[in-house]
PDB file of N, CA and C in Angstrom:
ATOM      1  N   GLN A   1     -49.038 -28.302-184.469  1.00  0.00           N
ATOM      2  CA  GLN A   1     -48.544 -28.360-183.228  1.00  0.00           C
ATOM      3  C   GLN A   1     -46.945 -27.702-183.086  1.00  0.00           C
ATOM      4  N   VAL A   2     -47.425 -26.556-182.736  1.00  0.00           N
ATOM      5  CA  VAL A   2     -45.707 -25.485-182.557  1.00  0.00           C
ATOM      6  C   VAL A   2     -45.124 -25.948-181.560  1.00  0.00           C
ATOM      7  N   GLN A   3     -43.900 -25.566-182.123  1.00  0.00           N
ATOM      8  CA  GLN A   3     -42.972 -26.282-181.085  1.00  0.00           C
ATOM      9  C   GLN A   3     -41.537 -25.292-181.357  1.00  0.00           C
ATOM     10  N   VAL A   4     -40.744 -25.263-179.909  1.00  0.00           N
ATOM     11  CA  VAL A   4     -40.031 -23.713-180.217  1.00  0.00           C
ATOM     12  C   VAL A   4     -39.085 -24.231-178.979  1.00  0.00           C
ATOM     13  N   VAL A   5     -38.120 -24.136-179.136  1.00  0.00           N
ATOM     14  CA  VAL A   5     -36.987 -24.873-178.676  1.00  0.00           C
ATOM     15  C   VAL A   5     -35.594 -23.903-178.339  1.00  0.00           C
ATOM     16  N   GLU A   6     -35.201 -23.341-177.110  1.00  0.00           N
ATOM     17  CA  GLU A   6     -34.157 -22.605-177.124  1.00  0.00           C
ATOM     18  C   GLU A   6     -32.865 -23.135-177.190  1.00  0.00           C
ATOM     19  N   SER A   7     -31.925 -22.560-177.644  1.00  0.00           N
ATOM     20  CA  SER A   7     -30.786 -22.883-177.325  1.00  0.00           C
ATOM     21  C   SER A   7     -29.077 -22.441-176.876  1.00  0.00           C
ATOM     22  N   GLY A   8     -28.161 -22.686-176.557  1.00  0.00           N
ATOM     23  CA  GLY A   8     -26.827 -21.794-176.294  1.00  0.00           C
ATOM     24  C   GLY A   8     -26.880 -21.334-175.333  1.00  0.00           C
ATOM     25  N   GLY A   9     -27.483 -21.147-173.773  1.00  0.00           N
ATOM     26  CA  GLY A   9     -27.338 -21.145-172.333  1.00  0.00           C
ATOM     27  C   GLY A   9     -25.898 -21.881-171.771  1.00  0.00           C
ATOM     28  N   GLY A  10     -25.366 -21.574-170.571  1.00  0.00           N
ATOM     29  CA  GLY A  10     -24.224 -21.950-170.111  1.00  0.00           C
ATOM     30  C   GLY A  10     -23.977 -21.317-168.687  1.00  0.00           C
ATOM     31  N   LEU A  11     -22.650 -21.236-168.810  1.00  0.00           N
ATOM     32  CA  LEU A  11     -21.968 -20.117-167.549  1.00  0.00           C
ATOM     33  C   LEU A  11     -21.027 -19.725-168.046  1.00  0.00           C
ATOM     34  N   VAL A  12     -20.852 -18.571-167.577  1.00  0.00           N
ATOM     35  CA  VAL A  12     -19.752 -17.600-168.757  1.00  0.00           C
ATOM     36  C   VAL A  12     -18.808 -16.496-167.471  1.00  0.00           C
ATOM     37  N   GLN A  13     -18.154 -16.336-167.267  1.00  0.00           N
ATOM     38  CA  GLN A  13     -17.365 -15.158-166.993  1.00  0.00           C
ATOM     39  C   GLN A  13     -18.130 -14.078-167.488  1.00  0.00           C
ATOM     40  N   ALA A  14     -18.285 -13.377-165.782  1.00  0.00           N
ATOM     41  CA  ALA A  14     -18.099 -11.492-166.094  1.00  0.00           C
ATOM     42  C   ALA A  14     -17.124 -10.930-166.873  1.00  0.00           C
ATOM     43  N   GLY A  15     -18.352 -10.364-168.340  1.00  0.00           N
ATOM     44  CA  GLY A  15     -18.020  -9.881-169.085  1.00  0.00           C
ATOM     45  C   GLY A  15     -17.523 -10.421-170.449  1.00  0.00           C
ATOM     46  N   GLY A  16     -17.995 -11.691-170.176  1.00  0.00           N
ATOM     47  CA  GLY A  16     -17.831 -13.030-171.338  1.00  0.00           C
ATOM     48  C   GLY A  16     -19.127 -12.535-172.248  1.00  0.00           C
ATOM     49  N   SER A  17     -19.541 -13.523-173.559  1.00  0.00           N
ATOM     50  CA  SER A  17     -20.764 -13.761-175.028  1.00  0.00           C
ATOM     51  C   SER A  17     -21.210 -15.138-174.613  1.00  0.00           C
ATOM     52  N   LEU A  18     -21.877 -14.765-174.801  1.00  0.00           N
ATOM     53  CA  LEU A  18     -23.413 -15.949-174.661  1.00  0.00           C
ATOM     54  C   LEU A  18     -23.984 -15.518-176.591  1.00  0.00           C
ATOM     55  N   ARG A  19     -24.396 -16.624-177.495  1.00  0.00           N
ATOM     56  CA  ARG A  19     -25.683 -16.241-177.994  1.00  0.00           C
ATOM     57  C   ARG A  19     -26.814 -17.745-177.708  1.00  0.00           C
ATOM     58  N   LEU A  20     -28.160 -17.012-177.534  1.00  0.00           N
ATOM     59  CA  LEU A  20     -28.360 -18.073-177.909  1.00  0.00           C
ATOM     60  C   LEU A  20     -29.536 -18.455-178.805  1.00  0.00           C
ATOM     61  N   SER A  21     -30.632 -19.027-179.492  1.00  0.00           N
ATOM     62  CA  SER A  21     -30.440 -18.651-180.447  1.00  0.00           C
ATOM     63  C   SER A  21     -32.137 -20.147-180.235  1.00  0.00           C
ATOM     64  N   CYS A  22     -33.406 -19.839-180.863  1.00  0.00           N
ATOM     65  CA  CYS A  22     -34.631 -20.121-180.693  1.00  0.00           C
ATOM     66  C   CYS A  22     -34.820 -20.574-181.774  1.00  0.00           C
ATOM     67  N   ALA A  23     -36.251 -21.988-182.729  1.00  0.00           N
ATOM     68  CA  ALA A  23     -36.323 -22.606-183.293  1.00  0.00           C
ATOM     69  C   ALA A  23     -37.637 -22.735-182.908  1.00  0.00           C
ATOM     70  N   ALA A  24     -38.806 -22.517-183.911  1.00  0.00           N
ATOM     71  CA  ALA A  24     -39.991 -21.740-183.992  1.00  0.00           C
ATOM     72  C   ALA A  24     -40.522 -23.410-185.383  1.00  0.00           C
ATOM     73  N   SER A  25     -41.124 -24.769-184.859  1.00  0.00           N
ATOM     74  CA  SER A  25     -41.620 -25.122-186.140  1.00  0.00           C
ATOM     75  C   SER A  25     -42.715 -26.054-185.973  1.00  0.00           C
ATOM     76  N   GLY A  26     -43.549 -26.628-186.697  1.00  0.00           N
ATOM     77  CA  GLY A  26     -44.769 -27.227-186.457  1.00  0.00           C
ATOM     78  C   GLY A  26     -45.169 -27.174-187.943  1.00  0.00           C
ATOM     79  N   SER A  27     -46.868 -26.744-188.012  1.00  0.00           N
ATOM     80  CA  SER A  27     -47.891 -26.326-188.991  1.00  0.00           C
ATOM     81  C   SER A  27     -46.889 -25.346-189.651  1.00  0.00           C
ATOM     82  N   ARG A  28     -47.545 -24.784-190.886  1.00  0.00           N
ATOM     83  CA  ARG A  28     -47.068 -23.559-191.459  1.00  0.00           C
ATOM     84  C   ARG A  28     -47.038 -22.789-190.746  1.00  0.00           C
ATOM     85  N   PHE A  29     -46.882 -21.314-190.036  1.00  0.00           N
ATOM     86  CA  PHE A  29     -47.507 -20.194-190.213  1.00  0.00           C
ATOM     87  C   PHE A  29     -46.632 -19.074-190.277  1.00  0.00           C
ATOM     88  N   SER A  30     -46.519 -18.068-190.638  1.00  0.00           N
ATOM     89  CA  SER A  30     -45.982 -16.879-189.768  1.00  0.00           C
ATOM     90  C   SER A  30     -45.915 -16.633-188.858  1.00  0.00           C
ATOM     91  N   ILE A  31     -44.727 -15.641-188.888  1.00  0.00           N
ATOM     92  CA  ILE A  31     -43.977 -15.350-187.061  1.00  0.00           C
ATOM     93  C   ILE A  31     -44.456 -13.777-186.990  1.00  0.00           C
ATOM     94  N   ASN A  32     -45.021 -13.146-186.845  1.00  0.00           N
ATOM     95  CA  ASN A  32     -45.341 -11.782-186.039  1.00  0.00           C
ATOM     96  C   ASN A  32     -44.035 -11.759-185.103  1.00  0.00           C
ATOM     97  N   VAL A  33     -43.752 -11.918-184.506  1.00  0.00           N
ATOM     98  CA  VAL A  33     -42.870 -10.608-183.074  1.00  0.00           C
ATOM     99  C   VAL A  33     -42.198 -12.253-182.759  1.00  0.00           C
ATOM    100  N   MET A  34     -41.339 -12.314-182.433  1.00  0.00           N
ATOM    101  CA  MET A  34     -40.399 -12.904-181.640  1.00  0.00           C
ATOM    102  C   MET A  34     -39.505 -12.526-180.318  1.00  0.00           C
ATOM    103  N   GLY A  35     -39.907 -12.827-179.373  1.00  0.00           N
ATOM    104  CA  GLY A  35     -38.822 -12.305-178.573  1.00  0.00           C
ATOM    105  C   GLY A  35     -37.999 -12.905-177.227  1.00  0.00           C
ATOM    106  N   TRP A  36     -37.899 -12.804-176.679  1.00  0.00           N
ATOM    107  CA  TRP A  36     -36.797 -13.079-175.172  1.00  0.00           C
ATOM    108  C   TRP A  36     -36.768 -12.115-174.457  1.00  0.00           C
ATOM    109  N   TYR A  37     -37.594 -13.303-173.244  1.00  0.00           N
ATOM    110  CA  TYR A  37     -37.543 -13.157-172.172  1.00  0.00           C
ATOM    111  C   TYR A  37     -36.667 -13.442-171.478  1.00  0.00           C
ATOM    112  N   ARG A  38     -36.587 -13.260-170.195  1.00  0.00           N
ATOM    113  CA  ARG A  38     -35.595 -13.857-168.561  1.00  0.00           C
ATOM    114  C   ARG A  38     -36.179 -13.544-167.316  1.00  0.00           C
ATOM    115  N   GLN A  39     -36.600 -14.522-166.554  1.00  0.00           N
ATOM    116  CA  GLN A  39     -36.785 -14.559-165.462  1.00  0.00           C
ATOM    117  C   GLN A  39     -36.232 -15.150-163.836  1.00  0.00           C
ATOM    118  N   ALA A  40     -35.063 -14.248-163.477  1.00  0.00           N
ATOM    119  CA  ALA A  40     -34.534 -14.776-162.118  1.00  0.00           C
ATOM    120  C   ALA A  40     -34.826 -14.911-160.883  1.00  0.00           C
ATOM    121  N   LEU A  41     -34.444 -15.589-160.619  1.00  0.00           N
ATOM    122  CA  LEU A  41     -35.126 -16.198-158.688  1.00  0.00           C
ATOM    123  C   LEU A  41     -35.798 -14.897-158.466  1.00  0.00           C
ATOM    124  N   GLY A  42     -36.715 -15.358-157.843  1.00  0.00           N
ATOM    125  CA  GLY A  42     -37.992 -14.147-157.243  1.00  0.00           C
ATOM    126  C   GLY A  42     -38.402 -13.335-157.542  1.00  0.00           C
ATOM    127  N   ILE A  43     -38.077 -12.972-159.185  1.00  0.00           N
ATOM    128  CA  ILE A  43     -37.939 -11.753-159.744  1.00  0.00           C
ATOM    129  C   ILE A  43     -39.061 -12.331-160.591  1.00  0.00           C
ATOM    130  N   GLU A  44     -39.713 -11.456-161.645  1.00  0.00           N
ATOM    131  CA  GLU A  44     -41.479 -11.832-162.756  1.00  0.00           C
ATOM    132  C   GLU A  44     -39.662 -11.626-163.879  1.00  0.00           C
ATOM    133  N   ARG A  45     -40.690 -12.226-164.960  1.00  0.00           N
ATOM    134  CA  ARG A  45     -40.301 -12.876-165.570  1.00  0.00           C
ATOM    135  C   ARG A  45     -40.414 -11.096-166.274  1.00  0.00           C
ATOM    136  N   GLU A  46     -39.140 -10.987-167.734  1.00  0.00           N
ATOM    137  CA  GLU A  46     -39.096  -9.920-167.756  1.00  0.00           C
ATOM    138  C   GLU A  46     -38.772  -9.741-169.548  1.00  0.00           C
ATOM    139  N   LEU A  47     -39.178  -8.652-170.298  1.00  0.00           N
ATOM    140  CA  LEU A  47     -38.877  -9.291-171.498  1.00  0.00           C
ATOM    141  C   LEU A  47     -37.548  -8.487-172.045  1.00  0.00           C
ATOM    142  N   VAL A  48     -36.534  -8.677-172.099  1.00  0.00           N
ATOM    143  CA  VAL A  48     -35.169  -8.830-172.580  1.00  0.00           C
ATOM    144  C   VAL A  48     -35.385  -8.086-174.076  1.00  0.00           C
ATOM    145  N   ALA A  49     -35.617  -8.730-175.429  1.00  0.00           N
ATOM    146  CA  ALA A  49     -35.461  -7.612-176.117  1.00  0.00           C
ATOM    147  C   ALA A  49     -36.396  -8.005-177.334  1.00  0.00           C
ATOM    148  N   SER A  50     -37.335  -8.090-178.402  1.00  0.00           N
ATOM    149  CA  SER A  50     -38.439  -8.406-179.666  1.00  0.00           C
ATOM    150  C   SER A  50     -37.655  -7.305-180.937  1.00  0.00           C
ATOM    151  N   ILE A  51     -38.498  -8.509-181.617  1.00  0.00           N
ATOM    152  CA  ILE A  51     -38.346  -8.035-183.172  1.00  0.00           C
ATOM    153  C   ILE A  51     -39.251  -8.382-184.065  1.00  0.00           C
ATOM    154  N   THR A  52     -39.899  -7.679-184.822  1.00  0.00           N
ATOM    155  CA  THR A  52     -40.670  -8.014-186.017  1.00  0.00           C
ATOM    156  C   THR A  52     -40.320  -8.665-187.030  1.00  0.00           C
ATOM    157  N   TYR A  53     -41.245  -9.111-187.419  1.00  0.00           N
ATOM    158  CA  TYR A  53     -41.166 -10.164-189.029  1.00  0.00           C
ATOM    159  C   TYR A  53     -40.161  -8.323-189.868  1.00  0.00           C
ATOM    160  N   GLY A  54     -40.614  -7.735-189.874  1.00  0.00           N
ATOM    161  CA  GLY A  54     -40.235  -7.162-190.504  1.00  0.00           C
ATOM    162  C   GLY A  54     -38.846  -6.066-190.036  1.00  0.00           C
ATOM    163  N   GLY A  55     -38.128  -6.424-188.882  1.00  0.00           N
ATOM    164  CA  GLY A  55     -36.822  -6.197-188.176  1.00  0.00           C
ATOM    165  C   GLY A  55     -36.711  -5.048-187.318  1.00  0.00           C
ATOM    166  N   THR A  56     -37.612  -4.594-186.785  1.00  0.00           N
ATOM    167  CA  THR A  56     -37.875  -3.423-186.245  1.00  0.00           C
ATOM    168  C   THR A  56     -37.373  -4.040-184.407  1.00  0.00           C
ATOM    169  N   THR A  57     -36.520  -3.767-183.631  1.00  0.00           N
ATOM    170  CA  THR A  57     -35.987  -4.305-182.174  1.00  0.00           C
ATOM    171  C   THR A  57     -36.746  -3.170-181.045  1.00  0.00           C
ATOM    172  N   ASN A  58     -36.761  -3.900-180.224  1.00  0.00           N
ATOM    173  CA  ASN A  58     -37.074  -3.261-178.463  1.00  0.00           C
ATOM    174  C   ASN A  58     -36.436  -4.299-177.994  1.00  0.00           C
ATOM    175  N   TYR A  59     -35.563  -3.317-176.925  1.00  0.00           N
ATOM    176  CA  TYR A  59     -34.268  -3.828-175.716  1.00  0.00           C
ATOM    177  C   TYR A  59     -34.866  -3.087-174.281  1.00  0.00           C
ATOM    178  N   ALA A  60     -34.877  -4.191-173.829  1.00  0.00           N
ATOM    179  CA  ALA A  60     -34.719  -3.360-172.553  1.00  0.00           C
ATOM    180  C   ALA A  60     -33.456  -2.635-172.425  1.00  0.00           C
ATOM    181  N   ASP A  61     -34.018  -1.343-171.174  1.00  0.00           N
ATOM    182  CA  ASP A  61     -32.970  -0.551-170.949  1.00  0.00           C
ATOM    183  C   ASP A  61     -31.648  -1.644-170.662  1.00  0.00           C
ATOM    184  N   SER A  62     -31.666  -2.422-169.431  1.00  0.00           N
ATOM    185  CA  SER A  62     -30.366  -2.672-169.739  1.00  0.00           C
ATOM    186  C   SER A  62     -29.764  -3.718-169.508  1.00  0.00           C
ATOM    187  N   VAL A  63     -30.133  -4.048-170.526  1.00  0.00           N
ATOM    188  CA  VAL A  63     -28.895  -4.687-171.858  1.00  0.00           C
ATOM    189  C   VAL A  63     -28.842  -4.218-173.558  1.00  0.00           C
ATOM    190  N   LYS A  64     -29.801  -2.429-173.319  1.00  0.00           N
ATOM    191  CA  LYS A  64     -29.014  -1.745-174.975  1.00  0.00           C
ATOM    192  C   LYS A  64     -27.639  -1.770-174.552  1.00  0.00           C
ATOM    193  N   GLY A  65     -26.951  -1.878-175.983  1.00  0.00           N
ATOM    194  CA  GLY A  65     -25.720  -1.929-176.131  1.00  0.00           C
ATOM    195  C   GLY A  65     -24.721  -2.761-176.441  1.00  0.00           C
ATOM    196  N   ARG A  66     -25.737  -3.825-175.490  1.00  0.00           N
ATOM    197  CA  ARG A  66     -24.483  -5.610-175.017  1.00  0.00           C
ATOM    198  C   ARG A  66     -26.124  -6.424-175.587  1.00  0.00           C
ATOM    199  N   PHE A  67     -26.493  -6.152-175.108  1.00  0.00           N
ATOM    200  CA  PHE A  67     -27.221  -7.441-176.104  1.00  0.00           C
ATOM    201  C   PHE A  67     -27.670  -7.231-177.629  1.00  0.00           C
ATOM    202  N   THR A  68     -28.381  -8.404-178.451  1.00  0.00           N
ATOM    203  CA  THR A  68     -28.478  -7.849-179.703  1.00  0.00           C
ATOM    204  C   THR A  68     -29.262  -9.126-180.642  1.00  0.00           C
ATOM    205  N   ILE A  69     -30.606  -8.728-180.760  1.00  0.00           N
ATOM    206  CA  ILE A  69     -31.739  -9.037-181.405  1.00  0.00           C
ATOM    207  C   ILE A  69     -31.975 -10.267-182.873  1.00  0.00           C
ATOM    208  N   SER A  70     -31.246 -10.594-183.035  1.00  0.00           N
ATOM    209  CA  SER A  70     -31.795 -10.650-184.903  1.00  0.00           C
ATOM    210  C   SER A  70     -32.701 -12.401-184.723  1.00  0.00           C
ATOM    211  N   ARG A  71     -33.073 -12.666-186.257  1.00  0.00           N
ATOM    212  CA  ARG A  71     -33.759 -13.564-186.813  1.00  0.00           C
ATOM    213  C   ARG A  71     -33.780 -13.794-188.372  1.00  0.00           C
ATOM    214  N   ASP A  72     -34.211 -14.925-188.550  1.00  0.00           N
ATOM    215  CA  ASP A  72     -33.775 -15.332-189.324  1.00  0.00           C
ATOM    216  C   ASP A  72     -34.823 -16.134-190.116  1.00  0.00           C
ATOM    217  N   ASN A  73     -36.443 -15.221-190.371  1.00  0.00           N
ATOM    218  CA  ASN A  73     -37.542 -15.611-191.511  1.00  0.00           C
ATOM    219  C   ASN A  73     -37.485 -16.795-192.265  1.00  0.00           C
ATOM    220  N   ALA A  74     -37.216 -17.313-193.146  1.00  0.00           N
ATOM    221  CA  ALA A  74     -36.979 -18.314-193.395  1.00  0.00           C
ATOM    222  C   ALA A  74     -36.356 -19.312-192.657  1.00  0.00           C
ATOM    223  N   LYS A  75     -35.801 -19.328-191.290  1.00  0.00           N
ATOM    224  CA  LYS A  75     -35.572 -19.993-190.733  1.00  0.00           C
ATOM    225  C   LYS A  75     -36.903 -20.199-189.364  1.00  0.00           C
ATOM    226  N   ASN A  76     -37.419 -19.078-189.647  1.00  0.00           N
ATOM    227  CA  ASN A  76     -38.320 -19.290-188.115  1.00  0.00           C
ATOM    228  C   ASN A  76     -37.326 -19.393-186.873  1.00  0.00           C
ATOM    229  N   THR A  77     -36.637 -18.472-187.126  1.00  0.00           N
ATOM    230  CA  THR A  77     -35.102 -18.684-185.091  1.00  0.00           C
ATOM    231  C   THR A  77     -34.788 -16.914-185.468  1.00  0.00           C
ATOM    232  N   VAL A  78     -34.684 -17.007-184.364  1.00  0.00           N
ATOM    233  CA  VAL A  78     -34.579 -15.503-183.300  1.00  0.00           C
ATOM    234  C   VAL A  78     -32.883 -16.251-183.023  1.00  0.00           C
ATOM    235  N   TYR A  79     -31.853 -15.097-182.930  1.00  0.00           N
ATOM    236  CA  TYR A  79     -31.105 -14.895-181.862  1.00  0.00           C
ATOM    237  C   TYR A  79     -30.547 -13.832-180.824  1.00  0.00           C
ATOM    238  N   LEU A  80     -30.225 -14.441-180.044  1.00  0.00           N
ATOM    239  CA  LEU A  80     -29.571 -12.846-178.835  1.00  0.00           C
ATOM    240  C   LEU A  80     -27.891 -13.175-178.420  1.00  0.00           C
ATOM    241  N   GLN A  81     -27.763 -12.230-179.472  1.00  0.00           N
ATOM    242  CA  GLN A  81     -26.455 -12.449-178.765  1.00  0.00           C
ATOM    243  C   GLN A  81     -25.881 -11.125-177.575  1.00  0.00           C
ATOM    244  N   MET A  82     -25.843 -11.972-177.074  1.00  0.00           N
ATOM    245  CA  MET A  82     -25.317 -11.370-175.422  1.00  0.00           C
ATOM    246  C   MET A  82     -23.348 -11.410-175.226  1.00  0.00           C
ATOM    247  N   ASN A  83     -23.396  -9.403-175.181  1.00  0.00           N
ATOM    248  CA  ASN A  83     -22.030  -9.573-174.751  1.00  0.00           C
ATOM    249  C   ASN A  83     -22.031  -8.887-173.918  1.00  0.00           C
ATOM    250  N   SER A  84     -20.625  -8.773-172.933  1.00  0.00           N
ATOM    251  CA  SER A  84     -20.624  -8.232-171.755  1.00  0.00           C
ATOM    252  C   SER A  84     -21.007  -7.935-170.907  1.00  0.00           C
ATOM    253  N   LEU A  85     -21.461  -9.531-170.530  1.00  0.00           N
ATOM    254  CA  LEU A  85     -22.515  -9.654-169.406  1.00  0.00           C
ATOM    255  C   LEU A  85     -21.920  -9.686-168.205  1.00  0.00           C
ATOM    256  N   LYS A  86     -22.832  -9.360-167.305  1.00  0.00           N
ATOM    257  CA  LYS A  86     -23.039  -8.794-166.143  1.00  0.00           C
ATOM    258  C   LYS A  86     -23.931 -10.316-165.016  1.00  0.00           C
ATOM    259  N   PRO A  87     -22.998 -10.514-164.071  1.00  0.00           N
ATOM    260  CA  PRO A  87     -23.809 -12.056-162.566  1.00  0.00           C
ATOM    261  C   PRO A  87     -25.505 -11.312-162.653  1.00  0.00           C
ATOM    262  N   ASP A  88     -25.980  -9.951-163.013  1.00  0.00           N
ATOM    263  CA  ASP A  88     -27.600  -9.619-163.019  1.00  0.00           C
ATOM    264  C   ASP A  88     -28.409  -9.787-164.303  1.00  0.00           C
ATOM    265  N   ASP A  89     -26.584 -10.386-164.934  1.00  0.00           N
ATOM    266  CA  ASP A  89     -28.223 -11.229-166.716  1.00  0.00           C
ATOM    267  C   ASP A  89     -28.356 -12.750-166.007  1.00  0.00           C
ATOM    268  N   THR A  90     -27.951 -13.090-164.992  1.00  0.00           N
ATOM    269  CA  THR A  90     -27.964 -15.150-164.911  1.00  0.00           C
ATOM    270  C   THR A  90     -29.402 -14.557-164.134  1.00  0.00           C
ATOM    271  N   ALA A  91     -30.178 -15.490-165.061  1.00  0.00           N
ATOM    272  CA  ALA A  91     -30.870 -15.734-165.187  1.00  0.00           C
ATOM    273  C   ALA A  91     -32.003 -17.321-166.396  1.00  0.00           C
ATOM    274  N   VAL A  92     -33.275 -17.598-166.213  1.00  0.00           N
ATOM    275  CA  VAL A  92     -33.296 -18.551-167.635  1.00  0.00           C
ATOM    276  C   VAL A  92     -34.185 -17.618-168.177  1.00  0.00           C
ATOM    277  N   TYR A  93     -33.335 -18.092-169.878  1.00  0.00           N
ATOM    278  CA  TYR A  93     -34.111 -17.145-171.158  1.00  0.00           C
ATOM    279  C   TYR A  93     -35.422 -17.935-171.591  1.00  0.00           C
ATOM    280  N   TYR A  94     -36.008 -17.324-171.724  1.00  0.00           N
ATOM    281  CA  TYR A  94     -37.640 -18.007-172.052  1.00  0.00           C
ATOM    282  C   TYR A  94     -37.324 -17.156-174.015  1.00  0.00           C
ATOM    283  N   CYS A  95     -37.668 -17.576-175.002  1.00  0.00           N
ATOM    284  CA  CYS A  95     -38.017 -17.462-176.676  1.00  0.00           C
ATOM    285  C   CYS A  95     -39.818 -17.261-176.332  1.00  0.00           C
ATOM    286  N   GLN A  96     -40.176 -16.357-176.860  1.00  0.00           N
ATOM    287  CA  GLN A  96     -41.818 -16.197-176.876  1.00  0.00           C
ATOM    288  C   GLN A  96     -41.995 -16.044-178.974  1.00  0.00           C
ATOM    289  N   ILE A  97     -43.134 -16.562-179.583  1.00  0.00           N
ATOM    290  CA  ILE A  97     -43.266 -16.092-180.534  1.00  0.00           C
ATOM    291  C   ILE A  97     -44.944 -16.133-180.702  1.00  0.00           C
ATOM    292  N   ARG A  98     -45.240 -14.937-181.862  1.00  0.00           N
ATOM    293  CA  ARG A  98     -46.449 -14.491-181.995  1.00  0.00           C
ATOM    294  C   ARG A  98     -46.854 -14.850-183.466  1.00  0.00           C
ATOM    295  N   ILE A  99     -47.472 -15.400-183.096  1.00  0.00           N
ATOM    296  CA  ILE A  99     -47.966 -16.456-184.830  1.00  0.00           C
ATOM    297  C   ILE A  99     -49.309 -15.197-185.089  1.00  0.00           C
ATOM    298  N   THR A 100     -48.701 -14.952-186.888  1.00  0.00           N
ATOM    299  CA  THR A 100     -49.597 -13.896-187.406  1.00  0.00           C
ATOM    300  C   THR A 100     -51.253 -14.472-186.955  1.00  0.00           C
ATOM    301  N   GLY A 101     -51.943 -13.633-186.713  1.00  0.00           N
ATOM    302  CA  GLY A 101     -54.023 -14.461-186.359  1.00  0.00           C
ATOM    303  C   GLY A 101     -54.056 -14.650-185.331  1.00  0.00           C
ATOM    304  N   LEU A 102     -53.159 -15.018-184.404  1.00  0.00           N
ATOM    305  CA  LEU A 102     -53.066 -15.753-182.713  1.00  0.00           C
ATOM    306  C   LEU A 102     -53.112 -14.765-181.591  1.00  0.00           C
ATOM    307  N   THR A 103     -54.282 -15.041-180.914  1.00  0.00           N
ATOM    308  CA  THR A 103     -54.311 -14.332-179.792  1.00  0.00           C
ATOM    309  C   THR A 103     -53.623 -14.619-178.731  1.00  0.00           C
ATOM    310  N   TYR A 104     -52.881 -15.598-178.928  1.00  0.00           N
ATOM    311  CA  TYR A 104     -51.835 -16.051-177.127  1.00  0.00           C
ATOM    312  C   TYR A 104     -50.545 -16.590-177.861  1.00  0.00           C
ATOM    313  N   PRO A 105     -49.215 -16.426-176.885  1.00  0.00           N
ATOM    314  CA  PRO A 105     -48.492 -16.670-177.377  1.00  0.00           C
ATOM    315  C   PRO A 105     -47.625 -17.856-177.400  1.00  0.00           C
ATOM    316  N   TYR A 106     -46.797 -18.503-178.138  1.00  0.00           N
ATOM    317  CA  TYR A 106     -46.146 -20.006-177.220  1.00  0.00           C
ATOM    318  C   TYR A 106     -44.763 -19.566-176.572  1.00  0.00           C
ATOM    319  N   TRP A 107     -44.426 -20.299-176.343  1.00  0.00           N
ATOM    320  CA  TRP A 107     -43.011 -20.394-175.411  1.00  0.00           C
ATOM    321  C   TRP A 107     -42.138 -21.821-175.431  1.00  0.00           C
ATOM    322  N   GLY A 108     -40.809 -20.930-175.463  1.00  0.00           N
ATOM    323  CA  GLY A 108     -39.692 -22.303-175.387  1.00  0.00           C
ATOM    324  C   GLY A 108     -39.974 -23.209-173.819  1.00  0.00           C
ATOM    325  N   GLN A 109     -39.355 -23.820-173.411  1.00  0.00           N
ATOM    326  CA  GLN A 109     -38.542 -24.508-172.209  1.00  0.00           C
ATOM    327  C   GLN A 109     -37.563 -23.586-171.789  1.00  0.00           C
ATOM    328  N   GLY A 110     -37.110 -22.891-172.273  1.00  0.00           N
ATOM    329  CA  GLY A 110     -36.166 -21.676-171.282  1.00  0.00           C
ATOM    330  C   GLY A 110     -34.660 -22.627-171.354  1.00  0.00           C
ATOM    331  N   THR A 111     -33.689 -21.811-171.487  1.00  0.00           N
ATOM    332  CA  THR A 111     -32.780 -22.438-171.048  1.00  0.00           C
ATOM    333  C   THR A 111     -31.487 -21.595-169.977  1.00  0.00           C
ATOM    334  N   GLN A 112     -30.886 -22.077-169.363  1.00  0.00           N
ATOM    335  CA  GLN A 112     -30.134 -20.786-168.220  1.00  0.00           C
ATOM    336  C   GLN A 112     -28.821 -20.282-168.534  1.00  0.00           C
ATOM    337  N   VAL A 113     -28.656 -19.307-167.982  1.00  0.00           N
ATOM    338  CA  VAL A 113     -27.530 -17.950-168.644  1.00  0.00           C
ATOM    339  C   VAL A 113     -27.403 -18.034-166.801  1.00  0.00           C
ATOM    340  N   THR A 114     -26.068 -18.554-167.199  1.00  0.00           N
ATOM    341  CA  THR A 114     -25.059 -17.945-164.804  1.00  0.00           C
ATOM    342  C   THR A 114     -24.187 -17.140-165.378  1.00  0.00           C
ATOM    343  N   VAL A 115     -24.088 -15.928-165.203  1.00  0.00           N
ATOM    344  CA  VAL A 115     -22.939 -15.569-165.493  1.00  0.00           C
ATOM    345  C   VAL A 115     -22.041 -14.864-163.630  1.00  0.00           C
ATOM    346  N   SER A 116     -20.911 -15.561-163.991  1.00  0.00           N
ATOM    347  CA  SER A 116     -19.867 -16.074-163.012  1.00  0.00           C
ATOM    348  C   SER A 116     -19.327 -14.451-162.737  1.00  0.00           C
ATOM    349  N   SER A 117     -19.034 -13.624-161.384  1.00  0.00           N
ATOM    350  CA  SER A 117     -18.248 -12.832-161.036  1.00  0.00           C
ATOM    351  C   SER A 117     -17.028 -13.646-160.680  1.00  0.00           C
TER     352      SER A 117
END
């Protein structure tokens, strides 16, 4: 059974920083892509950033230059460093992993990020 657990959300003032972490555990597996999505009230869930096993990254235009995604393959962990946060970044942030050989992703339970103006 695969478990995906996020941590690191919270309340921060505009201009501040937060670091999210997501750890995957369970059966022996290889994770191809790890990513962060977010969903604000009344808005569809959107991709924030993703990273492949080899380190290739992809970012939403809205976070480029402010957010950095990284991963530790040995620990099956992905991080999202969020700087220069804006109120528009307020959302529940979800971690998603795609395991090699599987067609469906696994999701974490989500962590709330609130940026006050």
